[in-house]
Amino acid sequence: GQVQEVCDRVGIMARGEMVREGSLDELTAIERQTE
């Protein structure tokens, strides 16, 4: 939440590995739904 307004792209790490990467829209969008 502290970086969602400034980042162009985001990489998410867990246990030393990259688990997700992409733009905020790509990472936060809910698949198969339109608002």
PDB file of all heavy atoms in Angstrom:
ATOM      1  N   GLY A   1       0.789  -1.210   0.000  1.00  0.00           N
ATOM      2  CA  GLY A   1       0.000   0.000   0.000  1.00  0.00           C
ATOM      3  C   GLY A   1       0.830   1.272   0.000  1.00  0.00           C
ATOM      4  O   GLY A   1       0.388   2.307  -0.482  1.00  0.00           O
ATOM      5  N   GLN A   2       2.052   1.207   0.533  1.00  0.00           N
ATOM      6  CA  GLN A   2       2.893   2.391   0.624  1.00  0.00           C
ATOM      7  C   GLN A   2       3.591   2.726  -0.696  1.00  0.00           C
ATOM      8  O   GLN A   2       4.112   3.809  -0.860  1.00  0.00           O
ATOM      9  CB  GLN A   2       3.941   2.214   1.724  1.00  0.00           C
ATOM     10  CG  GLN A   2       3.350   2.225   3.127  1.00  0.00           C
ATOM     11  CD  GLN A   2       4.414   2.242   4.193  1.00  0.00           C
ATOM     12  OE1 GLN A   2       5.567   1.872   3.969  1.00  0.00           O
ATOM     13  NE2 GLN A   2       4.033   2.673   5.384  1.00  0.00           N
ATOM     14  N   VAL A   3       3.615   1.800  -1.625  1.00  0.00           N
ATOM     15  CA  VAL A   3       4.329   2.063  -2.875  1.00  0.00           C
ATOM     16  C   VAL A   3       3.433   1.979  -4.104  1.00  0.00           C
ATOM     17  O   VAL A   3       3.877   2.273  -5.214  1.00  0.00           O
ATOM     18  CB  VAL A   3       5.512   1.078  -3.050  1.00  0.00           C
ATOM     19  CG1 VAL A   3       6.510   1.222  -1.925  1.00  0.00           C
ATOM     20  CG2 VAL A   3       5.026  -0.360  -3.130  1.00  0.00           C
ATOM     21  N   GLN A   4       2.163   1.632  -3.926  1.00  0.00           N
ATOM     22  CA  GLN A   4       1.303   1.405  -5.086  1.00  0.00           C
ATOM     23  C   GLN A   4       1.053   2.670  -5.898  1.00  0.00           C
ATOM     24  O   GLN A   4       0.678   2.584  -7.073  1.00  0.00           O
ATOM     25  CB  GLN A   4      -0.014   0.784  -4.655  1.00  0.00           C
ATOM     26  CG  GLN A   4      -0.873   1.659  -3.755  1.00  0.00           C
ATOM     27  CD  GLN A   4      -2.151   0.971  -3.312  1.00  0.00           C
ATOM     28  OE1 GLN A   4      -2.414  -0.174  -3.692  1.00  0.00           O
ATOM     29  NE2 GLN A   4      -2.949   1.646  -2.517  1.00  0.00           N
ATOM     30  N   GLU A   5       1.261   3.838  -5.301  1.00  0.00           N
ATOM     31  CA  GLU A   5       1.013   5.073  -6.024  1.00  0.00           C
ATOM     32  C   GLU A   5       2.226   5.554  -6.818  1.00  0.00           C
ATOM     33  O   GLU A   5       2.098   6.478  -7.622  1.00  0.00           O
ATOM     34  CB  GLU A   5       0.587   6.169  -5.049  1.00  0.00           C
ATOM     35  CG  GLU A   5      -0.727   5.891  -4.343  1.00  0.00           C
ATOM     36  CD  GLU A   5      -1.096   6.986  -3.361  1.00  0.00           C
ATOM     37  OE1 GLU A   5      -0.345   7.979  -3.279  1.00  0.00           O
ATOM     38  OE2 GLU A   5      -2.117   6.851  -2.679  1.00  0.00           O
ATOM     39  N   VAL A   6       3.402   4.958  -6.582  1.00  0.00           N
ATOM     40  CA  VAL A   6       4.604   5.499  -7.220  1.00  0.00           C
ATOM     41  C   VAL A   6       5.291   4.531  -8.174  1.00  0.00           C
ATOM     42  O   VAL A   6       6.058   4.961  -9.043  1.00  0.00           O
ATOM     43  CB  VAL A   6       5.638   5.962  -6.154  1.00  0.00           C
ATOM     44  CG1 VAL A   6       5.049   7.047  -5.278  1.00  0.00           C
ATOM     45  CG2 VAL A   6       6.127   4.794  -5.310  1.00  0.00           C
ATOM     46  N   CYS A   7       5.044   3.241  -8.048  1.00  0.00           N
ATOM     47  CA  CYS A   7       5.813   2.266  -8.816  1.00  0.00           C
ATOM     48  C   CYS A   7       5.223   2.023 -10.205  1.00  0.00           C
ATOM     49  O   CYS A   7       4.006   1.913 -10.373  1.00  0.00           O
ATOM     50  CB  CYS A   7       5.882   0.929  -8.072  1.00  0.00           C
ATOM     51  SG  CYS A   7       6.877   0.984  -6.583  1.00  0.00           S
ATOM     52  N   ASP A   8       6.110   1.938 -11.185  1.00  0.00           N
ATOM     53  CA  ASP A   8       5.709   1.530 -12.530  1.00  0.00           C
ATOM     54  C   ASP A   8       5.597   0.013 -12.612  1.00  0.00           C
ATOM     55  O   ASP A   8       4.672  -0.517 -13.233  1.00  0.00           O
ATOM     56  CB  ASP A   8       6.729   2.017 -13.560  1.00  0.00           C
ATOM     57  CG  ASP A   8       6.830   3.530 -13.582  1.00  0.00           C
ATOM     58  OD1 ASP A   8       5.801   4.182 -13.790  1.00  0.00           O
ATOM     59  OD2 ASP A   8       7.933   4.054 -13.379  1.00  0.00           O
ATOM     60  N   ARG A   9       6.557  -0.667 -12.003  1.00  0.00           N
ATOM     61  CA  ARG A   9       6.536  -2.126 -11.956  1.00  0.00           C
ATOM     62  C   ARG A   9       6.917  -2.589 -10.560  1.00  0.00           C
ATOM     63  O   ARG A   9       7.574  -1.872  -9.807  1.00  0.00           O
ATOM     64  CB  ARG A   9       7.510  -2.740 -12.970  1.00  0.00           C
ATOM     65  CG  ARG A   9       7.063  -2.590 -14.410  1.00  0.00           C
ATOM     66  CD  ARG A   9       7.901  -3.460 -15.351  1.00  0.00           C
ATOM     67  NE  ARG A   9       9.317  -3.144 -15.263  1.00  0.00           N
ATOM     68  CZ  ARG A   9      10.268  -4.046 -15.031  1.00  0.00           C
ATOM     69  NH1 ARG A   9       9.955  -5.316 -14.852  1.00  0.00           N
ATOM     70  NH2 ARG A   9      11.534  -3.673 -14.986  1.00  0.00           N
ATOM     71  N   VAL A  10       6.498  -3.804 -10.246  1.00  0.00           N
ATOM     72  CA  VAL A  10       6.707  -4.356  -8.911  1.00  0.00           C
ATOM     73  C   VAL A  10       7.170  -5.800  -9.027  1.00  0.00           C
ATOM     74  O   VAL A  10       6.676  -6.556  -9.870  1.00  0.00           O
ATOM     75  CB  VAL A  10       5.399  -4.296  -8.086  1.00  0.00           C
ATOM     76  CG1 VAL A  10       5.515  -5.144  -6.827  1.00  0.00           C
ATOM     77  CG2 VAL A  10       5.074  -2.859  -7.707  1.00  0.00           C
ATOM     78  N   GLY A  11       8.144  -6.159  -8.190  1.00  0.00           N
ATOM     79  CA  GLY A  11       8.543  -7.550  -8.047  1.00  0.00           C
ATOM     80  C   GLY A  11       8.292  -7.967  -6.609  1.00  0.00           C
ATOM     81  O   GLY A  11       8.627  -7.225  -5.681  1.00  0.00           O
ATOM     82  N   ILE A  12       7.692  -9.114  -6.414  1.00  0.00           N
ATOM     83  CA  ILE A  12       7.372  -9.603  -5.068  1.00  0.00           C
ATOM     84  C   ILE A  12       8.250 -10.806  -4.757  1.00  0.00           C
ATOM     85  O   ILE A  12       8.236 -11.802  -5.481  1.00  0.00           O
ATOM     86  CB  ILE A  12       5.883  -9.985  -4.943  1.00  0.00           C
ATOM     87  CG1 ILE A  12       5.010  -8.767  -5.272  1.00  0.00           C
ATOM     88  CG2 ILE A  12       5.577 -10.484  -3.532  1.00  0.00           C
ATOM     89  CD1 ILE A  12       3.521  -9.058  -5.257  1.00  0.00           C
ATOM     90  N   MET A  13       9.022 -10.697  -3.667  1.00  0.00           N
ATOM     91  CA  MET A  13       9.912 -11.767  -3.243  1.00  0.00           C
ATOM     92  C   MET A  13       9.351 -12.495  -2.027  1.00  0.00           C
ATOM     93  O   MET A  13       8.670 -11.899  -1.191  1.00  0.00           O
ATOM     94  CB  MET A  13      11.307 -11.221  -2.915  1.00  0.00           C
ATOM     95  CG  MET A  13      12.055 -10.644  -4.090  1.00  0.00           C
ATOM     96  SD  MET A  13      13.742 -10.120  -3.645  1.00  0.00           S
ATOM     97  CE  MET A  13      14.490 -11.727  -3.233  1.00  0.00           C
ATOM     98  N   ALA A  14       9.675 -13.774  -1.934  1.00  0.00           N
ATOM     99  CA  ALA A  14       9.325 -14.584  -0.766  1.00  0.00           C
ATOM    100  C   ALA A  14      10.343 -15.707  -0.660  1.00  0.00           C
ATOM    101  O   ALA A  14      10.670 -16.348  -1.664  1.00  0.00           O
ATOM    102  CB  ALA A  14       7.914 -15.153  -0.897  1.00  0.00           C
ATOM    103  N   ARG A  15      10.900 -15.873   0.517  1.00  0.00           N
ATOM    104  CA  ARG A  15      11.878 -16.932   0.779  1.00  0.00           C
ATOM    105  C   ARG A  15      13.054 -16.868  -0.198  1.00  0.00           C
ATOM    106  O   ARG A  15      13.545 -17.896  -0.656  1.00  0.00           O
ATOM    107  CB  ARG A  15      11.195 -18.306   0.725  1.00  0.00           C
ATOM    108  CG  ARG A  15      10.098 -18.467   1.772  1.00  0.00           C
ATOM    109  CD  ARG A  15       9.294 -19.731   1.558  1.00  0.00           C
ATOM    110  NE  ARG A  15       8.587 -19.690   0.275  1.00  0.00           N
ATOM    111  CZ  ARG A  15       7.439 -19.043   0.082  1.00  0.00           C
ATOM    112  NH1 ARG A  15       6.858 -18.405   1.063  1.00  0.00           N
ATOM    113  NH2 ARG A  15       6.876 -19.042  -1.111  1.00  0.00           N
ATOM    114  N   GLY A  16      13.449 -15.658  -0.537  1.00  0.00           N
ATOM    115  CA  GLY A  16      14.625 -15.461  -1.384  1.00  0.00           C
ATOM    116  C   GLY A  16      14.376 -15.574  -2.871  1.00  0.00           C
ATOM    117  O   GLY A  16      15.311 -15.414  -3.666  1.00  0.00           O
ATOM    118  N   GLU A  17      13.142 -15.812  -3.284  1.00  0.00           N
ATOM    119  CA  GLU A  17      12.838 -15.993  -4.705  1.00  0.00           C
ATOM    120  C   GLU A  17      11.820 -14.961  -5.186  1.00  0.00           C
ATOM    121  O   GLU A  17      11.019 -14.448  -4.396  1.00  0.00           O
ATOM    122  CB  GLU A  17      12.290 -17.398  -4.958  1.00  0.00           C
ATOM    123  CG  GLU A  17      13.249 -18.520  -4.623  1.00  0.00           C
ATOM    124  CD  GLU A  17      12.673 -19.887  -4.918  1.00  0.00           C
ATOM    125  OE1 GLU A  17      11.984 -20.437  -4.037  1.00  0.00           O
ATOM    126  OE2 GLU A  17      12.892 -20.393  -6.037  1.00  0.00           O
ATOM    127  N   MET A  18      11.850 -14.672  -6.474  1.00  0.00           N
ATOM    128  CA  MET A  18      10.852 -13.804  -7.091  1.00  0.00           C
ATOM    129  C   MET A  18       9.613 -14.645  -7.376  1.00  0.00           C
ATOM    130  O   MET A  18       9.660 -15.610  -8.144  1.00  0.00           O
ATOM    131  CB  MET A  18      11.383 -13.195  -8.389  1.00  0.00           C
ATOM    132  CG  MET A  18      10.440 -12.214  -9.051  1.00  0.00           C
ATOM    133  SD  MET A  18      10.340 -10.644  -8.189  1.00  0.00           S
ATOM    134  CE  MET A  18      11.930  -9.914  -8.677  1.00  0.00           C
ATOM    135  N   VAL A  19       8.487 -14.273  -6.766  1.00  0.00           N
ATOM    136  CA  VAL A  19       7.272 -15.068  -6.928  1.00  0.00           C
ATOM    137  C   VAL A  19       6.266 -14.422  -7.870  1.00  0.00           C
ATOM    138  O   VAL A  19       5.463 -15.112  -8.506  1.00  0.00           O
ATOM    139  CB  VAL A  19       6.616 -15.349  -5.559  1.00  0.00           C
ATOM    140  CG1 VAL A  19       7.494 -16.257  -4.733  1.00  0.00           C
ATOM    141  CG2 VAL A  19       6.329 -14.060  -4.804  1.00  0.00           C
ATOM    142  N   ARG A  20       6.270 -13.084  -7.969  1.00  0.00           N
ATOM    143  CA  ARG A  20       5.398 -12.370  -8.909  1.00  0.00           C
ATOM    144  C   ARG A  20       6.115 -11.131  -9.390  1.00  0.00           C
ATOM    145  O   ARG A  20       6.863 -10.511  -8.648  1.00  0.00           O
ATOM    146  CB  ARG A  20       4.071 -11.961  -8.246  1.00  0.00           C
ATOM    147  CG  ARG A  20       3.169 -13.091  -7.814  1.00  0.00           C
ATOM    148  CD  ARG A  20       2.477 -13.749  -8.988  1.00  0.00           C
ATOM    149  NE  ARG A  20       1.675 -12.834  -9.772  1.00  0.00           N
ATOM    150  CZ  ARG A  20       0.431 -12.473  -9.463  1.00  0.00           C
ATOM    151  NH1 ARG A  20      -0.137 -12.926  -8.367  1.00  0.00           N
ATOM    152  NH2 ARG A  20      -0.241 -11.659 -10.254  1.00  0.00           N
ATOM    153  N   GLU A  21       5.831 -10.712 -10.629  1.00  0.00           N
ATOM    154  CA  GLU A  21       6.419  -9.489 -11.148  1.00  0.00           C
ATOM    155  C   GLU A  21       5.514  -8.930 -12.240  1.00  0.00           C
ATOM    156  O   GLU A  21       4.917  -9.690 -13.010  1.00  0.00           O
ATOM    157  CB  GLU A  21       7.818  -9.729 -11.711  1.00  0.00           C
ATOM    158  CG  GLU A  21       8.540  -8.439 -12.110  1.00  0.00           C
ATOM    159  CD  GLU A  21       9.937  -8.688 -12.649  1.00  0.00           C
ATOM    160  OE1 GLU A  21      10.134  -9.744 -13.295  1.00  0.00           O
ATOM    161  OE2 GLU A  21      10.812  -7.842 -12.426  1.00  0.00           O
ATOM    162  N   GLY A  22       5.398  -7.619 -12.292  1.00  0.00           N
ATOM    163  CA  GLY A  22       4.600  -6.986 -13.325  1.00  0.00           C
ATOM    164  C   GLY A  22       4.175  -5.594 -12.900  1.00  0.00           C
ATOM    165  O   GLY A  22       4.600  -5.083 -11.860  1.00  0.00           O
ATOM    166  N   SER A  23       3.328  -4.953 -13.696  1.00  0.00           N
ATOM    167  CA  SER A  23       2.790  -3.650 -13.319  1.00  0.00           C
ATOM    168  C   SER A  23       1.747  -3.846 -12.226  1.00  0.00           C
ATOM    169  O   SER A  23       1.232  -4.956 -12.023  1.00  0.00           O
ATOM    170  CB  SER A  23       2.160  -2.973 -14.529  1.00  0.00           C
ATOM    171  OG  SER A  23       0.980  -3.654 -14.921  1.00  0.00           O
ATOM    172  N   LEU A  24       1.406  -2.768 -11.528  1.00  0.00           N
ATOM    173  CA  LEU A  24       0.425  -2.870 -10.455  1.00  0.00           C
ATOM    174  C   LEU A  24      -0.935  -3.293 -10.995  1.00  0.00           C
ATOM    175  O   LEU A  24      -1.653  -4.069 -10.361  1.00  0.00           O
ATOM    176  CB  LEU A  24       0.314  -1.541  -9.714  1.00  0.00           C
ATOM    177  CG  LEU A  24       1.455  -1.254  -8.738  1.00  0.00           C
ATOM    178  CD1 LEU A  24       1.377   0.176  -8.245  1.00  0.00           C
ATOM    179  CD2 LEU A  24       1.415  -2.212  -7.570  1.00  0.00           C
ATOM    180  N   ASP A  25      -1.293  -2.792 -12.174  1.00  0.00           N
ATOM    181  CA  ASP A  25      -2.575  -3.187 -12.773  1.00  0.00           C
ATOM    182  C   ASP A  25      -2.607  -4.688 -13.045  1.00  0.00           C
ATOM    183  O   ASP A  25      -3.618  -5.353 -12.817  1.00  0.00           O
ATOM    184  CB  ASP A  25      -2.814  -2.421 -14.071  1.00  0.00           C
ATOM    185  CG  ASP A  25      -3.184  -0.964 -13.825  1.00  0.00           C
ATOM    186  OD1 ASP A  25      -3.590  -0.650 -12.688  1.00  0.00           O
ATOM    187  OD2 ASP A  25      -3.054  -0.159 -14.757  1.00  0.00           O
ATOM    188  N   GLU A  26      -1.481  -5.213 -13.533  1.00  0.00           N
ATOM    189  CA  GLU A  26      -1.414  -6.650 -13.830  1.00  0.00           C
ATOM    190  C   GLU A  26      -1.503  -7.477 -12.556  1.00  0.00           C
ATOM    191  O   GLU A  26      -2.136  -8.542 -12.527  1.00  0.00           O
ATOM    192  CB  GLU A  26      -0.111  -6.964 -14.559  1.00  0.00           C
ATOM    193  CG  GLU A  26      -0.009  -6.373 -15.954  1.00  0.00           C
ATOM    194  CD  GLU A  26       1.367  -6.519 -16.564  1.00  0.00           C
ATOM    195  OE1 GLU A  26       2.335  -6.772 -15.805  1.00  0.00           O
ATOM    196  OE2 GLU A  26       1.490  -6.360 -17.783  1.00  0.00           O
ATOM    197  N   LEU A  27      -0.865  -7.006 -11.497  1.00  0.00           N
ATOM    198  CA  LEU A  27      -0.807  -7.795 -10.267  1.00  0.00           C
ATOM    199  C   LEU A  27      -2.094  -7.717  -9.460  1.00  0.00           C
ATOM    200  O   LEU A  27      -2.440  -8.677  -8.759  1.00  0.00           O
ATOM    201  CB  LEU A  27       0.366  -7.329  -9.397  1.00  0.00           C
ATOM    202  CG  LEU A  27       1.766  -7.560  -9.967  1.00  0.00           C
ATOM    203  CD1 LEU A  27       2.809  -6.965  -9.036  1.00  0.00           C
ATOM    204  CD2 LEU A  27       2.040  -9.045 -10.167  1.00  0.00           C
ATOM    205  N   THR A  28      -2.792  -6.588  -9.518  1.00  0.00           N
ATOM    206  CA  THR A  28      -3.959  -6.413  -8.657  1.00  0.00           C
ATOM    207  C   THR A  28      -5.290  -6.684  -9.367  1.00  0.00           C
ATOM    208  O   THR A  28      -6.327  -6.745  -8.710  1.00  0.00           O
ATOM    209  CB  THR A  28      -3.996  -4.979  -8.086  1.00  0.00           C
ATOM    210  OG1 THR A  28      -4.018  -4.035  -9.164  1.00  0.00           O
ATOM    211  CG2 THR A  28      -2.765  -4.715  -7.220  1.00  0.00           C
ATOM    212  N   ALA A  29      -5.263  -6.824 -10.683  1.00  0.00           N
ATOM    213  CA  ALA A  29      -6.519  -7.067 -11.406  1.00  0.00           C
ATOM    214  C   ALA A  29      -7.089  -8.433 -11.053  1.00  0.00           C
ATOM    215  O   ALA A  29      -6.355  -9.414 -10.900  1.00  0.00           O
ATOM    216  CB  ALA A  29      -6.287  -6.971 -12.909  1.00  0.00           C
ATOM    217  N   ILE A  30      -8.402  -8.503 -10.914  1.00  0.00           N
ATOM    218  CA  ILE A  30      -9.092  -9.772 -10.680  1.00  0.00           C
ATOM    219  C   ILE A  30      -9.488 -10.348 -12.025  1.00  0.00           C
ATOM    220  O   ILE A  30     -10.234  -9.726 -12.787  1.00  0.00           O
ATOM    221  CB  ILE A  30     -10.341  -9.568  -9.796  1.00  0.00           C
ATOM    222  CG1 ILE A  30      -9.931  -8.961  -8.447  1.00  0.00           C
ATOM    223  CG2 ILE A  30     -11.076 -10.888  -9.586  1.00  0.00           C
ATOM    224  CD1 ILE A  30     -11.107  -8.629  -7.546  1.00  0.00           C
ATOM    225  N   GLU A  31      -8.982 -11.515 -12.315  1.00  0.00           N
ATOM    226  CA  GLU A  31      -9.226 -12.121 -13.618  1.00  0.00           C
ATOM    227  C   GLU A  31     -10.710 -12.438 -13.809  1.00  0.00           C
ATOM    228  O   GLU A  31     -11.418 -12.775 -12.866  1.00  0.00           O
ATOM    229  CB  GLU A  31      -8.389 -13.390 -13.774  1.00  0.00           C
ATOM    230  CG  GLU A  31      -6.888 -13.138 -13.779  1.00  0.00           C
ATOM    231  CD  GLU A  31      -6.097 -14.410 -14.000  1.00  0.00           C
ATOM    232  OE1 GLU A  31      -6.731 -15.477 -14.173  1.00  0.00           O
ATOM    233  OE2 GLU A  31      -4.855 -14.345 -13.984  1.00  0.00           O
ATOM    234  N   ARG A  32     -11.163 -12.298 -15.043  1.00  0.00           N
ATOM    235  CA  ARG A  32     -12.518 -12.636 -15.470  1.00  0.00           C
ATOM    236  C   ARG A  32     -13.584 -11.734 -14.869  1.00  0.00           C
ATOM    237  O   ARG A  32     -14.767 -12.065 -14.891  1.00  0.00           O
ATOM    238  CB  ARG A  32     -12.835 -14.102 -15.125  1.00  0.00           C
ATOM    239  CG  ARG A  32     -11.915 -15.126 -15.790  1.00  0.00           C
ATOM    240  CD  ARG A  32     -12.182 -16.515 -15.261  1.00  0.00           C
ATOM    241  NE  ARG A  32     -13.594 -16.875 -15.442  1.00  0.00           N
ATOM    242  CZ  ARG A  32     -14.247 -17.750 -14.676  1.00  0.00           C
ATOM    243  NH1 ARG A  32     -13.639 -18.331 -13.670  1.00  0.00           N
ATOM    244  NH2 ARG A  32     -15.516 -18.031 -14.926  1.00  0.00           N
ATOM    245  N   GLN A  33     -13.187 -10.569 -14.305  1.00  0.00           N
ATOM    246  CA  GLN A  33     -14.174  -9.640 -13.786  1.00  0.00           C
ATOM    247  C   GLN A  33     -13.920  -8.246 -14.330  1.00  0.00           C
ATOM    248  O   GLN A  33     -12.777  -7.845 -14.522  1.00  0.00           O
ATOM    249  CB  GLN A  33     -14.155  -9.608 -12.253  1.00  0.00           C
ATOM    250  CG  GLN A  33     -14.645 -10.891 -11.601  1.00  0.00           C
ATOM    251  CD  GLN A  33     -14.833 -10.741 -10.108  1.00  0.00           C
ATOM    252  OE1 GLN A  33     -14.856  -9.632  -9.583  1.00  0.00           O
ATOM    253  NE2 GLN A  33     -14.961 -11.861  -9.404  1.00  0.00           N
ATOM    254  N   THR A  34     -15.004  -7.504 -14.596  1.00  0.00           N
ATOM    255  CA  THR A  34     -14.922  -6.120 -15.062  1.00  0.00           C
ATOM    256  C   THR A  34     -15.774  -5.256 -14.152  1.00  0.00           C
ATOM    257  O   THR A  34     -16.911  -5.614 -13.821  1.00  0.00           O
ATOM    258  CB  THR A  34     -15.436  -5.998 -16.510  1.00  0.00           C
ATOM    259  OG1 THR A  34     -14.668  -6.865 -17.350  1.00  0.00           O
ATOM    260  CG2 THR A  34     -15.310  -4.565 -17.005  1.00  0.00           C
ATOM    261  N   GLU A  35     -15.223  -4.105 -13.734  1.00  0.00           N
ATOM    262  CA  GLU A  35     -15.943  -3.222 -12.823  1.00  0.00           C
ATOM    263  C   GLU A  35     -16.392  -1.966 -13.567  1.00  0.00           C
ATOM    264  O   GLU A  35     -15.605  -1.337 -14.281  1.00  0.00           O
ATOM    265  CB  GLU A  35     -15.042  -2.831 -11.654  1.00  0.00           C
ATOM    266  CG  GLU A  35     -15.737  -1.998 -10.593  1.00  0.00           C
ATOM    267  CD  GLU A  35     -14.841  -1.733  -9.397  1.00  0.00           C
ATOM    268  OE1 GLU A  35     -13.844  -1.007  -9.560  1.00  0.00           O
ATOM    269  OE2 GLU A  35     -15.121  -2.268  -8.318  1.00  0.00           O
TER     270      GLU A  35
END
